[in-house]
Amino acid sequence: MSDKIFTISELNNYIKRLLDSDSTLARVYVKGELSNYKTYPSGHHYFTMKDVEGRLSCVMFKGSAAKLRFKPENGMSVVAFGRIAVYPRDGAYQLYVNEMTPDGVGDLYVAFEQLKEKLFKEGLFDQIHKKSLPRFPKTIAVITSPVGAAVEDIIRVLGSRWPLTKVVVVPVRVQGVEAPPEIVNAIEYANREKLADIIITGRGGGSIEDLWAFNDERVARAIFASEIPVISAVGHEPDVTIADYVADVRAATPSNSAEIAVPDIIDVYNWIKTTDGRLQQAISRDIKHRKQRLQDVANKRVLQNPKYYIDDRRIQVDRSAERLLSSMQGSIYKKRERYTRLSASLDAMSPLKVLGRGYAIAQLDDGTIVKNASDVSRGDQLKIRLKQDEISCTVD
């Protein structure tokens, strides 16, 4: 037994050398559940991996953490790859993680689902934000790789369906770490320069790794912010990317994006031809109707001989005058009859009629009619009115 006495630092460093020299611990895969996951301002990640019986402290430095394709969360089961070593200052061993993937599923799938849920909650997929496509676009910007089947298919279909549209290809890389910023810059450039009426962005089919540029958050936000309507044309119909959710329209394939972007010139020609035929029929019916109206007017007697019209009006005037005269005569007769009737009634009530039968009217000098003897006094002067004469007398 060695009698050497170690300092703490010496012992920790000794154990560190032992662990560093172990080839198994230098490249080890560890499976467990994440807990106490923290990201420090330095960019380093510190966390604990655990199972039902134990715990292991772990650290992932900034360089390795930047390569993560998903966001680690507490409670997530993962497989970490790295080396076991001792941190001499604390005297504790820990796992220095170089790579980490979700347990049971690919890290790209997890990253896809995490970003999809994040953007969905922010409303980037809401239908209310979708812009409608112009029916007859003058210019279409195609943001994709300048080589390959995708761009050739898009240009070919656009040319055959609607050759009146100008196509501008904005070349970008669609695979690799340089692809997302190039796609973002191209979308921003097209908007800034008002380059087109519609943007088509995408690429041909491939693995999830090949299509990953269109699952990048930066690309998704650039598509959402675009004032020009964007058609996402990524891969084949089964392939679904984040860009498909954010874009105004999703195309099943690059060729399909061209079919969506422009109408078929043959369909438009047939529509114009049909509409032209209907318009000609409508015009013919209108002209026929107006000719018939003109003929009806031309056949009227007044236009054939204006004298006939004057003769008809003369007869109409004579008949109107006759009806007016008859109406006036009838009115005069009725008024005359009423006058006679009222005159007879008034004459019957006249006091002169009474005087004619031998009666007289006694009046004082002031014209007051004497009705009773008490109305006069001795010596009063009276006027006695007879039928034709008047007698003056004195009350005795």
Protein backbone atom coordinates (compact mmCIF):
# COMPACT_ATOMS: atom_id res chain seq x y z
CA MET A 1 0.00 0.00 0.00
CA SER A 2 1.32 3.37 -0.96
CA ASP A 3 1.89 5.80 1.84
CA LYS A 4 1.81 8.81 -0.51
CA ILE A 5 -0.36 11.61 0.71
CA PHE A 6 -2.27 13.44 -2.10
CA THR A 7 -3.52 16.92 -2.12
CA ILE A 8 -7.07 17.36 -3.37
CA SER A 9 -5.90 18.78 -6.68
CA GLU A 10 -3.36 15.99 -7.12
CA LEU A 11 -5.95 13.31 -6.47
CA ASN A 12 -8.49 14.90 -8.77
CA ASN A 13 -5.93 15.20 -11.55
CA TYR A 14 -4.82 11.59 -11.00
CA ILE A 15 -8.37 10.37 -11.37
CA LYS A 16 -8.76 12.61 -14.41
CA ARG A 17 -5.74 10.97 -16.06
CA LEU A 18 -7.13 7.53 -15.30
CA LEU A 19 -10.46 8.35 -16.90
CA ASP A 20 -8.84 10.10 -19.87
CA SER A 21 -6.76 7.02 -20.57
CA ASP A 22 -9.83 4.74 -20.65
CA SER A 23 -10.74 4.16 -24.30
CA THR A 24 -14.29 3.14 -23.42
CA LEU A 25 -15.01 6.36 -21.56
CA ALA A 26 -13.43 8.43 -24.33
CA ARG A 27 -16.24 7.56 -26.77
CA VAL A 28 -19.39 6.65 -24.91
CA TYR A 29 -23.10 6.76 -25.74
CA VAL A 30 -25.43 7.42 -22.82
CA LYS A 31 -29.22 7.22 -22.81
CA GLY A 32 -31.33 9.03 -20.24
CA GLU A 33 -33.89 11.70 -19.44
CA LEU A 34 -32.96 15.40 -19.42
CA SER A 35 -33.46 17.51 -16.31
CA ASN A 36 -32.25 20.87 -14.98
CA TYR A 37 -31.42 21.92 -18.54
CA LYS A 38 -29.88 25.41 -18.63
CA THR A 39 -28.27 27.50 -21.34
CA TYR A 40 -25.78 30.08 -20.08
CA PRO A 41 -24.97 33.44 -21.72
CA SER A 42 -21.66 31.93 -22.79
CA GLY A 43 -23.59 29.57 -25.08
CA HIS A 44 -22.62 26.45 -23.07
CA HIS A 45 -25.38 24.02 -22.05
CA TYR A 46 -25.43 22.38 -18.59
CA PHE A 47 -27.87 19.63 -17.67
CA THR A 48 -28.38 16.32 -15.93
CA MET A 49 -29.19 12.96 -17.49
CA LYS A 50 -31.01 10.49 -15.27
CA ASP A 51 -32.76 7.14 -15.15
CA VAL A 52 -34.67 5.43 -12.37
CA GLU A 53 -31.51 4.61 -10.41
CA GLY A 54 -28.93 7.29 -11.09
CA ARG A 55 -27.91 10.73 -12.35
CA LEU A 56 -25.07 12.04 -14.49
CA SER A 57 -23.91 15.65 -14.80
CA CYS A 58 -23.37 16.79 -18.37
CA VAL A 59 -22.00 19.77 -20.25
CA MET A 60 -22.22 20.66 -23.94
CA PHE A 61 -19.99 23.49 -25.06
CA LYS A 62 -21.15 26.23 -27.42
CA GLY A 63 -19.55 24.73 -30.54
CA SER A 64 -21.30 21.39 -30.12
CA ALA A 65 -24.59 22.98 -29.01
CA ALA A 66 -24.72 25.06 -32.19
CA LYS A 67 -25.02 21.84 -34.20
CA LEU A 68 -28.19 20.73 -32.42
CA ARG A 69 -31.13 20.40 -34.80
CA PHE A 70 -33.74 20.38 -32.07
CA LYS A 71 -34.35 22.19 -28.81
CA PRO A 72 -33.59 19.99 -25.79
CA GLU A 73 -36.26 20.17 -23.10
CA ASN A 74 -36.59 18.80 -19.57
CA GLY A 75 -38.21 15.37 -19.54
CA MET A 76 -37.05 14.53 -23.08
CA SER A 77 -35.39 11.14 -23.53
CA VAL A 78 -32.14 11.49 -25.48
CA VAL A 79 -29.00 9.65 -26.48
CA ALA A 80 -25.84 11.66 -25.86
CA PHE A 81 -22.39 10.93 -27.26
CA GLY A 82 -19.21 12.20 -25.65
CA ARG A 83 -16.47 11.45 -23.14
CA ILE A 84 -16.41 10.99 -19.41
CA ALA A 85 -13.87 13.17 -17.61
CA VAL A 86 -13.23 14.81 -14.25
CA TYR A 87 -13.41 18.54 -13.69
CA PRO A 88 -10.46 18.84 -11.26
CA ARG A 89 -11.68 21.92 -9.45
CA ASP A 90 -14.90 20.23 -8.26
CA GLY A 91 -13.59 16.67 -8.10
CA ALA A 92 -16.69 15.44 -9.94
CA TYR A 93 -16.81 13.47 -13.16
CA GLN A 94 -19.25 14.44 -15.90
CA LEU A 95 -20.15 13.71 -19.49
CA TYR A 96 -18.74 16.15 -22.03
CA VAL A 97 -21.38 15.88 -24.78
CA ASN A 98 -20.38 16.29 -28.44
CA GLU A 99 -23.63 15.11 -30.04
CA MET A 100 -27.19 14.54 -28.84
CA THR A 101 -30.26 13.09 -30.54
CA PRO A 102 -33.77 12.34 -29.29
CA ASP A 103 -34.22 8.75 -28.25
CA GLY A 104 -36.46 6.77 -30.61
CA VAL A 105 -36.93 9.47 -33.30
CA GLY A 106 -34.62 11.50 -35.49
CA ASP A 107 -33.45 14.86 -34.27
CA LEU A 108 -34.60 16.49 -37.53
CA TYR A 109 -38.11 15.21 -36.99
CA VAL A 110 -38.14 16.59 -33.45
CA ALA A 111 -36.79 19.94 -34.65
CA PHE A 112 -39.46 20.01 -37.37
CA GLU A 113 -42.27 19.37 -34.90
CA GLN A 114 -40.92 21.89 -32.40
CA LEU A 115 -40.65 24.68 -34.97
CA LYS A 116 -44.03 23.77 -36.45
CA GLU A 117 -45.70 24.06 -33.05
CA LYS A 118 -43.88 27.33 -32.28
CA LEU A 119 -44.89 29.05 -35.53
CA PHE A 120 -48.42 27.68 -35.31
CA LYS A 121 -48.87 29.29 -31.89
CA GLU A 122 -47.55 32.57 -33.29
CA GLY A 123 -50.22 32.47 -36.02
CA LEU A 124 -47.88 32.19 -39.01
CA PHE A 125 -50.03 29.41 -40.48
CA ASP A 126 -53.38 31.20 -40.10
CA GLN A 127 -55.47 31.39 -43.24
CA ILE A 128 -56.25 35.05 -42.57
CA HIS A 129 -52.64 35.93 -43.49
CA LYS A 130 -52.71 34.13 -46.85
CA LYS A 131 -52.49 36.45 -49.88
CA SER A 132 -54.39 35.67 -53.07
CA LEU A 133 -52.53 35.15 -56.33
CA PRO A 134 -53.04 37.53 -59.28
CA ARG A 135 -54.92 35.83 -62.10
CA PHE A 136 -52.60 37.00 -64.89
CA PRO A 137 -49.13 37.67 -63.39
CA LYS A 138 -46.81 39.73 -65.57
CA THR A 139 -43.60 38.52 -63.88
CA ILE A 140 -42.80 35.48 -61.72
CA ALA A 141 -39.63 35.21 -59.62
CA VAL A 142 -38.35 31.64 -59.22
CA ILE A 143 -36.07 31.35 -56.19
CA THR A 144 -34.29 28.03 -56.46
CA SER A 145 -31.12 26.37 -57.67
CA PRO A 146 -30.28 27.53 -61.21
CA VAL A 147 -29.43 23.95 -62.17
CA GLY A 148 -31.51 20.83 -61.84
CA ALA A 149 -34.86 19.45 -62.91
CA ALA A 150 -36.96 21.70 -60.64
CA VAL A 151 -36.13 25.02 -62.31
CA GLU A 152 -36.34 23.43 -65.77
CA ASP A 153 -39.80 22.01 -65.01
CA ILE A 154 -41.07 25.34 -63.70
CA ILE A 155 -39.81 27.31 -66.72
CA ARG A 156 -41.12 24.71 -69.16
CA VAL A 157 -44.63 24.61 -67.67
CA LEU A 158 -44.84 28.40 -67.36
CA GLY A 159 -43.79 28.78 -70.99
CA SER A 160 -46.29 26.27 -72.29
CA ARG A 161 -49.24 27.42 -70.18
CA TRP A 162 -48.83 31.20 -70.29
CA PRO A 163 -45.92 32.46 -72.44
CA LEU A 164 -46.97 36.07 -71.77
CA THR A 165 -45.46 35.89 -68.28
CA LYS A 166 -41.84 36.94 -67.77
CA VAL A 167 -39.80 34.52 -65.64
CA VAL A 168 -36.92 35.78 -63.47
CA VAL A 169 -34.72 33.11 -61.88
CA VAL A 170 -33.05 34.22 -58.65
CA PRO A 171 -30.29 31.61 -58.11
CA VAL A 172 -29.72 30.30 -54.59
CA ARG A 173 -28.38 27.19 -52.96
CA VAL A 174 -31.18 24.94 -51.71
CA GLN A 175 -29.08 22.54 -49.62
CA GLY A 176 -26.48 22.97 -46.92
CA VAL A 177 -25.86 25.53 -44.18
CA GLU A 178 -25.50 28.37 -46.73
CA ALA A 179 -28.92 27.72 -48.25
CA PRO A 180 -31.26 29.32 -45.65
CA PRO A 181 -29.59 32.77 -45.59
CA GLU A 182 -29.39 32.80 -49.40
CA ILE A 183 -33.10 31.98 -49.72
CA VAL A 184 -33.96 34.66 -47.14
CA ASN A 185 -31.87 37.26 -48.96
CA ALA A 186 -33.47 36.36 -52.30
CA ILE A 187 -37.00 36.74 -50.92
CA GLU A 188 -36.13 40.08 -49.33
CA TYR A 189 -34.46 41.24 -52.57
CA ALA A 190 -37.52 40.32 -54.66
CA ASN A 191 -39.74 42.34 -52.32
CA ARG A 192 -37.40 45.28 -52.04
CA GLU A 193 -37.00 45.60 -55.82
CA LYS A 194 -40.66 44.69 -56.51
CA LEU A 195 -39.26 42.07 -58.81
CA ALA A 196 -42.40 40.08 -59.54
CA ASP A 197 -46.11 39.54 -58.97
CA ILE A 198 -45.57 36.01 -57.61
CA ILE A 199 -42.63 34.24 -55.97
CA ILE A 200 -42.09 30.50 -56.45
CA THR A 201 -39.49 29.01 -54.12
CA GLY A 202 -38.56 25.38 -53.68
CA ARG A 203 -36.53 22.51 -55.01
CA GLY A 204 -36.82 18.93 -56.22
CA GLY A 205 -37.33 15.92 -53.99
CA GLY A 206 -34.85 14.39 -51.59
CA SER A 207 -34.35 13.21 -48.04
CA ILE A 208 -35.39 15.27 -45.04
CA GLU A 209 -31.78 16.44 -44.78
CA ASP A 210 -31.86 17.58 -48.42
CA LEU A 211 -35.06 19.56 -47.86
CA TRP A 212 -34.02 20.97 -44.50
CA ALA A 213 -33.32 24.50 -45.75
CA PHE A 214 -37.09 24.91 -46.18
CA ASN A 215 -37.62 23.87 -42.56
CA ASP A 216 -35.40 26.70 -41.36
CA GLU A 217 -37.09 29.30 -39.14
CA ARG A 218 -35.40 32.18 -40.96
CA VAL A 219 -36.83 31.04 -44.30
CA ALA A 220 -40.28 30.58 -42.77
CA ARG A 221 -40.31 34.11 -41.36
CA ALA A 222 -39.05 35.59 -44.64
CA ILE A 223 -41.90 33.90 -46.53
CA PHE A 224 -44.42 35.14 -43.97
CA ALA A 225 -43.09 38.71 -44.19
CA SER A 226 -43.14 38.77 -48.00
CA GLU A 227 -45.54 41.29 -49.50
CA ILE A 228 -45.44 39.34 -52.77
CA PRO A 229 -47.54 36.14 -52.69
CA VAL A 230 -45.33 33.06 -52.27
CA ILE A 231 -45.91 29.57 -53.68
CA SER A 232 -43.94 26.85 -51.88
CA ALA A 233 -42.83 24.07 -54.24
CA VAL A 234 -40.63 21.72 -52.24
CA GLY A 235 -40.02 18.09 -53.15
CA HIS A 236 -42.82 15.71 -54.06
CA GLU A 237 -46.42 15.64 -52.85
CA PRO A 238 -45.73 13.53 -49.70
CA ASP A 239 -42.94 15.93 -48.66
CA VAL A 240 -44.20 18.62 -46.27
CA THR A 241 -41.98 21.41 -44.99
CA ILE A 242 -42.44 24.41 -42.72
CA ALA A 243 -42.30 26.60 -45.85
CA ASP A 244 -45.43 24.80 -47.11
CA TYR A 245 -47.34 25.80 -43.98
CA VAL A 246 -46.25 29.45 -44.07
CA ALA A 247 -46.52 30.08 -47.83
CA ASP A 248 -49.67 31.59 -49.31
CA VAL A 249 -50.11 28.52 -51.54
CA ARG A 250 -48.52 25.07 -51.33
CA ALA A 251 -47.75 23.20 -54.56
CA ALA A 252 -47.39 19.44 -54.61
CA THR A 253 -44.36 19.63 -56.92
CA PRO A 254 -42.32 22.34 -58.69
CA SER A 255 -44.27 21.64 -61.91
CA ASN A 256 -47.53 22.02 -60.03
CA SER A 257 -46.42 25.43 -58.74
CA ALA A 258 -46.23 26.66 -62.34
CA GLU A 259 -49.71 25.27 -63.01
CA ILE A 260 -51.04 27.14 -59.99
CA ALA A 261 -49.25 30.40 -60.80
CA VAL A 262 -50.61 30.95 -64.32
CA PRO A 263 -53.73 29.99 -66.27
CA ASP A 264 -53.65 27.69 -69.29
CA ILE A 265 -53.61 29.83 -72.43
CA ILE A 266 -55.79 27.26 -74.22
CA ASP A 267 -58.45 27.51 -71.49
CA VAL A 268 -58.32 31.30 -71.66
CA TYR A 269 -58.61 31.20 -75.47
CA ASN A 270 -61.64 28.89 -75.26
CA TRP A 271 -63.23 31.13 -72.64
CA ILE A 272 -62.68 34.21 -74.81
CA LYS A 273 -64.09 32.37 -77.83
CA THR A 274 -67.17 31.27 -75.89
CA THR A 275 -67.67 34.72 -74.40
CA ASP A 276 -67.25 36.32 -77.83
CA GLY A 277 -69.94 34.03 -79.25
CA ARG A 278 -72.34 34.88 -76.45
CA LEU A 279 -71.62 38.58 -76.88
CA GLN A 280 -72.30 38.41 -80.62
CA GLN A 281 -75.58 36.60 -80.00
CA ALA A 282 -76.60 39.20 -77.43
CA ILE A 283 -75.74 42.04 -79.83
CA SER A 284 -77.66 40.36 -82.66
CA ARG A 285 -80.74 39.95 -80.46
CA ASP A 286 -80.53 43.59 -79.40
CA ILE A 287 -80.15 44.81 -82.98
CA LYS A 288 -83.10 42.66 -84.09
CA HIS A 289 -85.24 44.02 -81.26
CA ARG A 290 -84.33 47.60 -82.11
CA LYS A 291 -85.06 47.02 -85.82
CA GLN A 292 -88.49 45.70 -84.90
CA ARG A 293 -89.19 48.74 -82.75
CA LEU A 294 -88.06 51.03 -85.59
CA GLN A 295 -90.33 49.19 -88.03
CA ASP A 296 -93.28 49.50 -85.65
CA VAL A 297 -92.71 53.23 -85.38
CA ALA A 298 -92.29 53.58 -89.15
CA ASN A 299 -95.64 51.86 -89.70
CA LYS A 300 -97.56 54.37 -87.59
CA ARG A 301 -100.03 56.56 -89.58
CA VAL A 302 -98.52 59.75 -88.22
CA LEU A 303 -95.24 59.04 -89.97
CA GLN A 304 -96.87 57.84 -93.18
CA ASN A 305 -98.98 61.05 -93.55
CA PRO A 306 -98.74 63.80 -90.90
CA LYS A 307 -102.14 65.21 -92.05
CA TYR A 308 -103.80 62.09 -90.65
CA TYR A 309 -102.43 62.93 -87.25
CA ILE A 310 -103.72 66.52 -87.47
CA ASP A 311 -107.17 65.31 -88.58
CA ASP A 312 -107.32 62.91 -85.64
CA ARG A 313 -106.36 65.70 -83.26
CA ARG A 314 -109.02 68.01 -84.73
CA ILE A 315 -111.71 65.40 -84.17
CA GLN A 316 -110.39 64.87 -80.65
CA VAL A 317 -110.57 68.66 -80.00
CA ASP A 318 -114.14 68.86 -81.30
CA ARG A 319 -115.23 65.97 -79.12
CA SER A 320 -113.49 67.43 -76.11
CA ALA A 321 -115.17 70.84 -76.72
CA GLU A 322 -118.54 69.13 -77.08
CA ARG A 323 -118.07 67.27 -73.79
CA LEU A 324 -116.94 70.49 -72.09
CA LEU A 325 -119.95 72.48 -73.38
CA SER A 326 -122.35 69.75 -72.34
CA SER A 327 -120.75 69.63 -68.91
CA MET A 328 -120.99 73.43 -68.53
CA GLN A 329 -124.66 73.53 -69.64
CA GLY A 330 -125.53 70.81 -67.17
CA SER A 331 -123.79 72.72 -64.41
CA ILE A 332 -125.59 76.00 -65.29
CA TYR A 333 -128.96 74.23 -65.36
CA LYS A 334 -128.38 72.73 -61.93
CA LYS A 335 -127.31 76.09 -60.47
CA ARG A 336 -130.30 77.89 -62.06
CA GLU A 337 -132.67 75.32 -60.63
CA ARG A 338 -131.15 75.77 -57.19
CA TYR A 339 -131.41 79.58 -57.51
CA THR A 340 -135.12 79.36 -58.36
CA ARG A 341 -135.75 77.06 -55.42
CA LEU A 342 -133.95 79.30 -52.97
CA SER A 343 -135.70 82.44 -54.34
CA ALA A 344 -139.12 80.84 -53.84
CA SER A 345 -138.23 79.90 -50.28
CA LEU A 346 -136.96 83.42 -49.57
CA ASP A 347 -140.07 85.04 -51.13
CA ALA A 348 -142.35 82.85 -49.03
CA MET A 349 -140.65 84.14 -45.93
CA SER A 350 -140.82 87.88 -46.98
CA PRO A 351 -142.85 90.23 -44.68
CA LEU A 352 -144.31 91.89 -47.79
CA LYS A 353 -146.30 88.74 -48.41
CA VAL A 354 -147.91 89.15 -44.98
CA LEU A 355 -148.74 92.79 -45.65
CA GLY A 356 -150.39 91.77 -48.90
CA ARG A 357 -152.92 89.79 -46.94
CA GLY A 358 -154.15 92.93 -45.03
CA TYR A 359 -151.70 93.08 -42.17
CA ALA A 360 -149.68 96.19 -41.12
CA ILE A 361 -146.46 96.93 -39.27
CA ALA A 362 -146.28 99.62 -36.56
CA GLN A 363 -142.90 101.31 -36.03
CA LEU A 364 -141.64 104.05 -33.75
CA ASP A 365 -139.76 106.99 -35.15
CA ASP A 366 -136.44 105.21 -34.61
CA GLY A 367 -137.66 102.20 -36.64
CA THR A 368 -138.36 99.94 -33.65
CA ILE A 369 -141.20 97.54 -34.45
CA VAL A 370 -144.09 97.72 -31.95
CA LYS A 371 -145.02 94.26 -30.81
CA ASN A 372 -147.14 95.04 -27.69
CA ALA A 373 -149.18 98.00 -26.45
CA SER A 374 -146.78 98.40 -23.62
CA ASP A 375 -144.09 99.31 -26.15
CA VAL A 376 -145.70 102.78 -26.68
CA SER A 377 -146.91 105.70 -24.60
CA ARG A 378 -149.46 108.38 -25.14
CA GLY A 379 -148.30 110.92 -27.64
CA ASP A 380 -145.74 108.65 -29.37
CA GLN A 381 -145.51 109.07 -33.11
CA LEU A 382 -145.96 105.87 -35.08
CA LYS A 383 -145.60 104.86 -38.69
CA ILE A 384 -148.05 102.27 -39.91
CA ARG A 385 -146.67 100.44 -42.95
CA LEU A 386 -149.21 98.88 -45.29
CA LYS A 387 -148.71 96.84 -48.46
CA GLN A 388 -147.99 99.86 -50.62
CA ASP A 389 -148.37 102.95 -48.39
CA GLU A 390 -147.41 104.29 -45.00
CA ILE A 391 -149.64 106.14 -42.43
CA SER A 392 -148.28 108.50 -39.74
CA CYS A 393 -150.27 108.64 -36.50
CA THR A 394 -150.12 109.59 -32.82
CA VAL A 395 -150.90 107.32 -29.89
CA ASP A 396 -153.99 108.77 -28.09
